[in-house]
Amino acid sequence: MHFEENGNVTPCCVMPSNVYPIAKGIDNYLKSDKLKEIKDYFLNNKRHPYCKACWDSEDNGVRSHRLYTEKPSKEIESIHIRYNNICNFKCRMCNPKFSSTWIQENKIHRYFRPNEVDKNIFDVTPDLLDFILKHRNTLKSINISGGEPFIADANLKFLRWLGKNKLTHITLSYSTNLSKIIHRNVNIIDLLATFKSVNLAISADGWGKAVEYSRHGFKWDTFVKNLNYVKYVKKQKNPNSFQLNIICVVHIHSIYTIPHLTQFCHNNKIGLIFSPCLEPKFLSVQSLPVSEKKKIIKYYQSISSAGHLYDAQKIKTHVLDYMMKEQLDSYTVKKMEYNCNEEFKRFNSLLDKTRNQDFKESFPQFSEWYDSI
């Protein structure tokens, strides 16, 4: 069950209620005819249209959320909570629904429809804590995201509530940008070390300056410093507490620095998971012209020949094969057709102007293609 910051409940975090509405509130969700319909589809081995994101990923030969989910159980074993959309980043593959800083910037250029900061999840779903207590004996894991959960007051209060109710045996899994680890003078990493098991899925789409461009607010040096502190706490205080993975979204801005990121993860003994950029479609590497795709493959081959390409098979499957799987030239939204490359340049140029950035300066490999659009 996925609890959203606006009070809506859906089966998982990849099924957003603004696109695929199920119900508002826990009781209404559990009694929902739409939930029964989705279950019936799965029981009959049919593809429900609400699960399109996972089917699209799997059809492209890459990781889907569905495949990383526990096997079905009659008990509530795992839930996902999205606290709110308070976030200190405005990543180019994100939007105002998931980031308060995106909301503020959007008031300037108005690329997206207006959006507001959603309330705290525990305010809009006041029976959520009671629900957790009710299932305390079967609940194995709680997945938490935002916004950026480490800067949310809700996170600090929730962790203290879990400790007070002796629920530190439940595995906590966070999606975080790891930009800040101290909130309200409390070190969140030290607090998490009191739990039996914590998984950190840390977002870093690429390496170095490329990430600072695409994930506005990201500072590579701060990221490394905070990551090293997590590794220190894991080693010194609770060796079994933290499991670390870097989550890299494969898109146009990350494609050329992924080899550097794989080497970084290899050197630091950290897991690396690739996730395809399904939205917005114009950021997908599948939308690049064939000529640009061939340049990218040649670049990867040169690194491989020099013996510096780590996780080569994973890269082949989740990056290069995925890139070549489909030629995505256009897409349709509300019966309006958009050319991927043209929309990429329109979106990029608008943000460059607003943020005082320069795409060609950050990614000179794409200069000729960018000028041709």
Protein backbone atom coordinates (compact mmCIF):
# COMPACT_ATOMS: atom_id res chain seq x y z
CA MET A 1 0.00 0.00 0.00
CA HIS A 2 1.27 3.46 -0.97
CA PHE A 3 0.15 6.41 1.15
CA GLU A 4 0.39 9.72 -0.66
CA GLU A 5 0.86 13.17 0.83
CA ASN A 6 -2.64 14.25 -0.24
CA GLY A 7 -4.42 11.39 1.55
CA ASN A 8 -4.83 9.13 -1.48
CA VAL A 9 -3.91 5.45 -1.26
CA THR A 10 -2.72 3.33 -4.18
CA PRO A 11 -1.15 -0.15 -4.51
CA CYS A 12 2.37 1.20 -5.12
CA CYS A 13 4.44 4.36 -5.58
CA VAL A 14 4.65 3.86 -9.36
CA MET A 15 0.87 4.27 -9.62
CA PRO A 16 0.34 7.98 -8.81
CA SER A 17 -3.21 8.88 -7.85
CA ASN A 18 -3.27 12.01 -10.02
CA VAL A 19 -3.06 9.69 -13.02
CA TYR A 20 -4.59 6.48 -11.64
CA PRO A 21 -7.07 7.30 -8.84
CA ILE A 22 -8.07 4.52 -6.46
CA ALA A 23 -9.44 6.00 -3.22
CA LYS A 24 -8.84 8.53 -0.48
CA GLY A 25 -8.31 7.08 2.99
CA ILE A 26 -7.46 3.56 4.17
CA ASP A 27 -10.99 2.14 4.57
CA ASN A 28 -12.17 3.47 1.22
CA TYR A 29 -9.08 2.04 -0.46
CA LEU A 30 -9.50 -1.46 1.00
CA LYS A 31 -13.15 -1.52 -0.09
CA SER A 32 -12.46 -0.03 -3.52
CA ASP A 33 -13.91 -1.72 -6.61
CA LYS A 34 -10.88 -0.50 -8.58
CA LEU A 35 -8.52 -2.31 -6.18
CA LYS A 36 -10.55 -5.50 -6.60
CA GLU A 37 -10.35 -5.06 -10.37
CA ILE A 38 -6.56 -4.71 -10.27
CA LYS A 39 -6.25 -7.82 -8.09
CA ASP A 40 -8.48 -9.79 -10.47
CA TYR A 41 -6.25 -8.78 -13.39
CA PHE A 42 -3.18 -10.08 -11.60
CA LEU A 43 -4.88 -13.29 -10.49
CA ASN A 44 -5.82 -13.93 -14.11
CA ASN A 45 -2.34 -13.05 -15.40
CA LYS A 46 -3.64 -10.00 -17.26
CA ARG A 47 -1.99 -6.60 -17.62
CA HIS A 48 -3.97 -3.87 -15.91
CA PRO A 49 -3.54 -0.48 -17.66
CA TYR A 50 -2.74 1.20 -14.32
CA CYS A 51 0.49 -0.84 -14.22
CA LYS A 52 1.66 0.42 -17.61
CA ALA A 53 4.94 1.89 -16.25
CA CYS A 54 6.17 -1.50 -15.07
CA TRP A 55 5.06 -3.33 -18.20
CA ASP A 56 6.82 -0.74 -20.37
CA SER A 57 10.04 -1.18 -18.39
CA GLU A 58 9.93 -4.96 -18.60
CA ASP A 59 9.11 -4.88 -22.33
CA ASN A 60 12.25 -2.80 -22.76
CA GLY A 61 14.30 -5.38 -20.87
CA VAL A 62 14.98 -3.23 -17.81
CA ARG A 63 14.21 -3.24 -14.10
CA SER A 64 10.64 -2.60 -12.99
CA HIS A 65 9.27 -1.88 -9.54
CA ARG A 66 6.96 -4.88 -9.88
CA LEU A 67 9.85 -7.34 -10.14
CA TYR A 68 11.47 -5.97 -6.98
CA THR A 69 8.34 -6.39 -4.89
CA GLU A 70 7.83 -9.11 -2.31
CA LYS A 71 5.69 -12.09 -3.28
CA PRO A 72 1.99 -11.61 -2.49
CA SER A 73 0.90 -12.21 1.09
CA LYS A 74 -2.44 -12.25 2.89
CA GLU A 75 -0.90 -10.00 5.53
CA ILE A 76 0.27 -6.39 5.29
CA GLU A 77 4.05 -6.82 5.13
CA SER A 78 5.17 -3.64 3.39
CA ILE A 79 3.88 -0.11 2.98
CA HIS A 80 5.17 3.02 1.24
CA ILE A 81 4.77 6.49 2.73
CA ARG A 82 5.30 9.77 0.91
CA TYR A 83 5.56 12.41 3.64
CA ASN A 84 5.00 15.52 1.50
CA ASN A 85 6.62 17.29 -1.45
CA ILE A 86 9.03 19.47 0.56
CA CYS A 87 12.32 19.24 -1.36
CA ASN A 88 15.51 21.28 -1.70
CA PHE A 89 16.17 20.11 -5.28
CA LYS A 90 14.49 20.84 -8.60
CA CYS A 91 15.68 17.96 -10.76
CA ARG A 92 15.02 18.20 -14.49
CA MET A 93 13.30 14.83 -14.60
CA CYS A 94 11.00 15.85 -11.72
CA ASN A 95 8.09 18.30 -11.44
CA PRO A 96 6.16 20.49 -8.94
CA LYS A 97 4.08 17.58 -7.63
CA PHE A 98 7.17 16.13 -5.94
CA SER A 99 9.23 19.24 -5.17
CA SER A 100 8.43 22.48 -3.35
CA THR A 101 11.40 24.25 -4.99
CA TRP A 102 9.99 23.24 -8.38
CA ILE A 103 6.71 24.87 -7.32
CA GLN A 104 8.45 28.18 -6.64
CA GLU A 105 10.38 28.14 -9.92
CA ASN A 106 7.33 27.14 -11.91
CA LYS A 107 5.68 30.41 -10.86
CA ILE A 108 8.34 32.13 -13.01
CA HIS A 109 8.25 30.17 -16.27
CA ARG A 110 4.93 28.28 -15.83
CA TYR A 111 6.01 25.23 -17.77
CA PHE A 112 3.80 23.03 -15.58
CA ARG A 113 0.31 23.67 -14.32
CA PRO A 114 0.19 25.44 -10.91
CA ASN A 115 0.79 23.23 -7.87
CA GLU A 116 0.88 23.73 -4.13
CA VAL A 117 2.74 22.16 -1.23
CA ASP A 118 0.74 19.17 0.01
CA LYS A 119 0.07 18.66 3.68
CA ASN A 120 1.88 16.26 5.98
CA ILE A 121 0.82 12.66 5.36
CA PHE A 122 -0.01 12.12 9.04
CA ASP A 123 -2.38 15.13 8.97
CA VAL A 124 -4.34 14.00 5.92
CA THR A 125 -4.30 10.30 6.95
CA PRO A 126 -4.62 10.50 10.76
CA ASP A 127 -5.38 6.77 11.11
CA LEU A 128 -2.08 5.76 9.46
CA LEU A 129 -0.19 5.40 12.74
CA ASP A 130 -2.98 3.26 14.19
CA PHE A 131 -2.87 1.18 11.00
CA ILE A 132 0.86 0.57 11.51
CA LEU A 133 0.31 -0.44 15.14
CA LYS A 134 -2.49 -2.79 14.09
CA HIS A 135 -0.11 -4.60 11.72
CA ARG A 136 3.04 -4.34 13.85
CA ASN A 137 3.42 -8.14 14.06
CA THR A 138 3.36 -8.69 10.29
CA LEU A 139 4.78 -5.42 8.98
CA LYS A 140 8.34 -6.08 7.81
CA SER A 141 9.26 -2.91 5.93
CA ILE A 142 8.29 0.72 5.51
CA ASN A 143 9.45 2.57 2.41
CA ILE A 144 9.70 6.33 2.77
CA SER A 145 10.04 9.10 0.20
CA GLY A 146 9.15 12.74 -0.43
CA GLY A 147 10.08 15.37 -1.54
CA GLU A 148 13.26 14.87 0.38
CA PRO A 149 12.43 12.92 3.56
CA PHE A 150 15.58 13.82 5.50
CA ILE A 151 14.57 17.50 5.63
CA ALA A 152 10.95 16.81 6.63
CA ASP A 153 9.73 17.43 10.19
CA ALA A 154 7.44 14.46 9.64
CA ASN A 155 10.43 12.16 9.32
CA LEU A 156 11.96 13.18 12.65
CA LYS A 157 8.62 12.81 14.45
CA PHE A 158 7.93 9.46 12.77
CA LEU A 159 11.33 7.99 13.71
CA ARG A 160 10.83 9.04 17.32
CA TRP A 161 7.32 7.56 17.28
CA LEU A 162 8.64 4.24 15.92
CA GLY A 163 11.28 4.13 18.68
CA LYS A 164 8.77 5.00 21.41
CA ASN A 165 6.49 2.18 20.23
CA LYS A 166 9.36 -0.33 20.02
CA LEU A 167 9.09 -0.75 16.25
CA THR A 168 12.81 -0.50 15.46
CA HIS A 169 12.72 -4.08 14.14
CA ILE A 170 10.89 -2.87 11.02
CA THR A 171 13.19 -2.32 8.04
CA LEU A 172 13.16 1.30 6.84
CA SER A 173 13.90 2.03 3.20
CA TYR A 174 14.49 5.62 2.12
CA SER A 175 14.65 7.37 -1.22
CA THR A 176 16.95 10.31 -0.51
CA ASN A 177 19.25 12.77 -2.24
CA LEU A 178 21.51 12.67 0.86
CA SER A 179 22.14 16.40 0.62
CA LYS A 180 21.38 17.02 4.29
CA ILE A 181 21.79 14.57 7.17
CA ILE A 182 21.17 16.95 10.08
CA HIS A 183 17.65 18.27 10.72
CA ARG A 184 16.56 20.34 13.72
CA ASN A 185 20.03 19.75 15.19
CA VAL A 186 19.46 15.98 15.04
CA ASN A 187 21.78 13.76 13.01
CA ILE A 188 19.33 11.60 11.04
CA ILE A 189 21.98 8.99 10.23
CA ASP A 190 22.83 8.50 13.93
CA LEU A 191 19.12 8.16 14.68
CA LEU A 192 18.64 5.60 11.91
CA ALA A 193 21.54 3.56 13.31
CA THR A 194 19.28 2.64 16.24
CA PHE A 195 17.11 0.62 13.86
CA LYS A 196 17.86 -3.00 13.03
CA SER A 197 17.94 -2.47 9.26
CA VAL A 198 17.94 0.60 7.01
CA ASN A 199 18.12 0.69 3.22
CA LEU A 200 19.18 3.94 1.57
CA ALA A 201 18.37 4.37 -2.11
CA ILE A 202 20.51 7.42 -2.89
CA SER A 203 19.75 9.39 -6.03
CA ALA A 204 22.74 10.32 -8.21
CA ASP A 205 22.11 10.43 -11.94
CA GLY A 206 25.64 10.25 -13.25
CA TRP A 207 28.79 11.77 -11.83
CA GLY A 208 30.26 15.14 -10.88
CA LYS A 209 29.17 18.35 -12.62
CA ALA A 210 26.67 16.51 -14.83
CA VAL A 211 24.57 15.67 -11.76
CA GLU A 212 24.84 19.23 -10.49
CA TYR A 213 23.32 20.37 -13.79
CA SER A 214 20.43 17.89 -13.97
CA ARG A 215 19.64 17.72 -10.24
CA HIS A 216 19.67 21.44 -9.42
CA GLY A 217 20.75 21.88 -5.77
CA PHE A 218 23.04 18.84 -5.85
CA LYS A 219 26.67 19.38 -4.83
CA TRP A 220 28.99 16.46 -5.57
CA ASP A 221 31.40 17.26 -2.73
CA THR A 222 28.55 17.41 -0.18
CA PHE A 223 27.15 14.16 -1.53
CA VAL A 224 30.51 12.37 -1.09
CA LYS A 225 31.01 13.85 2.39
CA ASN A 226 27.58 12.68 3.61
CA LEU A 227 28.01 9.29 1.95
CA ASN A 228 31.33 8.81 3.77
CA TYR A 229 29.64 9.62 7.07
CA VAL A 230 26.99 6.96 6.45
CA LYS A 231 29.75 4.45 5.70
CA TYR A 232 31.55 5.51 8.91
CA VAL A 233 28.41 5.03 11.05
CA LYS A 234 27.76 1.67 9.41
CA LYS A 235 31.29 0.50 10.24
CA GLN A 236 31.64 1.97 13.74
CA LYS A 237 28.15 1.80 15.26
CA ASN A 238 26.03 -0.82 13.55
CA PRO A 239 27.66 -2.86 10.74
CA ASN A 240 24.38 -4.59 9.92
CA SER A 241 22.19 -1.48 9.89
CA PHE A 242 22.77 0.23 6.54
CA GLN A 243 22.44 -1.17 3.04
CA LEU A 244 23.45 1.38 0.41
CA ASN A 245 22.52 1.64 -3.25
CA ILE A 246 22.98 4.47 -5.73
CA ILE A 247 19.92 4.92 -7.94
CA CYS A 248 20.85 6.31 -11.34
CA VAL A 249 18.08 7.43 -13.66
CA VAL A 250 19.20 6.76 -17.23
CA HIS A 251 18.47 9.89 -19.27
CA ILE A 252 20.18 12.26 -21.69
CA HIS A 253 21.90 14.22 -18.92
CA SER A 254 23.39 11.13 -17.23
CA ILE A 255 24.36 8.96 -20.20
CA TYR A 256 27.94 10.20 -20.70
CA THR A 257 28.99 10.05 -17.02
CA ILE A 258 27.48 6.68 -16.11
CA PRO A 259 30.87 4.94 -16.63
CA HIS A 260 32.42 7.33 -14.06
CA LEU A 261 29.58 6.58 -11.65
CA THR A 262 30.08 2.82 -12.00
CA GLN A 263 33.76 3.24 -11.16
CA PHE A 264 32.85 5.42 -8.16
CA CYS A 265 30.43 2.76 -6.87
CA HIS A 266 33.00 0.02 -7.47
CA ASN A 267 35.68 1.92 -5.54
CA ASN A 268 33.29 2.60 -2.65
CA LYS A 269 31.73 -0.89 -2.65
CA ILE A 270 28.22 0.51 -3.10
CA GLY A 271 25.45 -1.08 -5.13
CA LEU A 272 24.26 0.63 -8.30
CA ILE A 273 20.76 0.35 -9.73
CA PHE A 274 19.77 1.79 -13.11
CA SER A 275 16.27 3.12 -13.60
CA PRO A 276 14.95 4.21 -17.03
CA CYS A 277 13.58 7.72 -17.43
CA LEU A 278 10.02 7.04 -18.51
CA GLU A 279 8.76 10.59 -17.94
CA PRO A 280 9.23 13.15 -19.33
CA LYS A 281 9.71 11.18 -22.51
CA PHE A 282 11.88 13.83 -24.16
CA LEU A 283 14.61 13.14 -21.56
CA SER A 284 14.74 9.45 -22.43
CA VAL A 285 17.91 8.22 -24.14
CA GLN A 286 15.58 6.40 -26.52
CA SER A 287 14.60 9.80 -27.95
CA LEU A 288 18.13 10.57 -29.16
CA PRO A 289 18.78 10.34 -32.93
CA VAL A 290 20.44 7.13 -34.10
CA SER A 291 23.61 9.06 -34.95
CA GLU A 292 23.93 10.23 -31.33
CA LYS A 293 23.25 6.74 -30.02
CA LYS A 294 26.06 5.37 -32.16
CA LYS A 295 28.46 7.99 -30.74
CA ILE A 296 27.49 6.94 -27.21
CA ILE A 297 28.07 3.25 -27.96
CA LYS A 298 31.47 4.09 -29.46
CA TYR A 299 32.33 6.09 -26.32
CA TYR A 300 31.42 3.15 -24.07
CA GLN A 301 33.42 0.78 -26.25
CA SER A 302 36.51 2.97 -25.91
CA ILE A 303 36.21 2.92 -22.12
CA SER A 304 35.68 -0.83 -22.14
CA SER A 305 38.74 -1.37 -24.37
CA ALA A 306 40.82 0.61 -21.88
CA GLY A 307 39.63 -1.70 -19.09
CA HIS A 308 37.80 1.03 -17.17
CA LEU A 309 34.18 -0.05 -17.64
CA TYR A 310 32.75 -1.63 -14.49
CA ASP A 311 29.46 -3.54 -14.35
CA ALA A 312 29.71 -4.01 -18.12
CA GLN A 313 26.88 -6.53 -18.37
CA LYS A 314 24.54 -4.42 -16.27
CA ILE A 315 25.35 -1.38 -18.41
CA LYS A 316 24.76 -3.36 -21.59
CA THR A 317 21.32 -4.53 -20.40
CA HIS A 318 19.98 -1.48 -18.57
CA VAL A 319 21.66 1.35 -20.47
CA LEU A 320 22.85 0.54 -24.00
CA ASP A 321 20.41 -2.22 -24.96
CA TYR A 322 17.59 -0.15 -23.45
CA MET A 323 18.70 2.90 -25.43
CA MET A 324 18.65 0.94 -28.71
CA LYS A 325 15.45 -0.99 -27.94
CA GLU A 326 13.18 1.72 -29.30
CA GLN A 327 13.41 4.91 -31.36
CA LEU A 328 11.22 7.37 -29.50
CA ASP A 329 10.73 10.34 -31.82
CA SER A 330 7.41 11.71 -30.58
CA TYR A 331 4.77 11.26 -27.89
CA THR A 332 1.18 12.32 -27.28
CA VAL A 333 -0.32 14.12 -24.29
CA LYS A 334 -4.05 14.87 -24.24
CA LYS A 335 -4.27 14.32 -28.01
CA MET A 336 -1.39 16.77 -28.60
CA GLU A 337 1.66 15.32 -30.36
CA TYR A 338 5.13 16.52 -29.39
CA ASN A 339 8.47 15.99 -31.09
CA CYS A 340 10.85 14.68 -28.43
CA ASN A 341 13.97 16.58 -29.50
CA GLU A 342 12.14 19.84 -30.05
CA GLU A 343 10.46 19.63 -26.65
CA PHE A 344 13.78 18.71 -25.02
CA LYS A 345 15.36 21.90 -26.37
CA ARG A 346 12.36 24.05 -25.44
CA PHE A 347 12.33 22.68 -21.88
CA ASN A 348 16.11 22.82 -21.51
CA SER A 349 16.44 26.33 -22.89
CA LEU A 350 13.69 27.59 -20.60
CA LEU A 351 15.37 26.13 -17.52
CA ASP A 352 18.85 27.24 -18.60
CA LYS A 353 17.59 30.80 -18.84
CA THR A 354 15.83 30.63 -15.47
CA ARG A 355 18.72 28.92 -13.67
CA ASN A 356 21.62 30.64 -15.46
CA GLN A 357 22.94 27.32 -16.77
CA ASP A 358 24.22 26.23 -20.18
CA PHE A 359 23.46 22.78 -21.58
CA LYS A 360 26.21 22.87 -24.24
CA GLU A 361 28.79 24.01 -21.72
CA SER A 362 27.88 21.12 -19.40
CA PHE A 363 27.51 18.55 -22.18
CA PRO A 364 29.75 19.53 -25.12
CA GLN A 365 29.32 16.01 -26.56
CA PHE A 366 25.78 17.02 -27.57
CA SER A 367 26.58 20.49 -28.96
CA GLU A 368 26.25 19.63 -32.65
CA TRP A 369 22.99 17.74 -32.15
CA TYR A 370 21.55 20.46 -29.89
CA ASP A 371 22.32 23.21 -32.42
CA SER A 372 20.66 21.17 -35.18
CA ILE A 373 17.28 20.99 -33.43
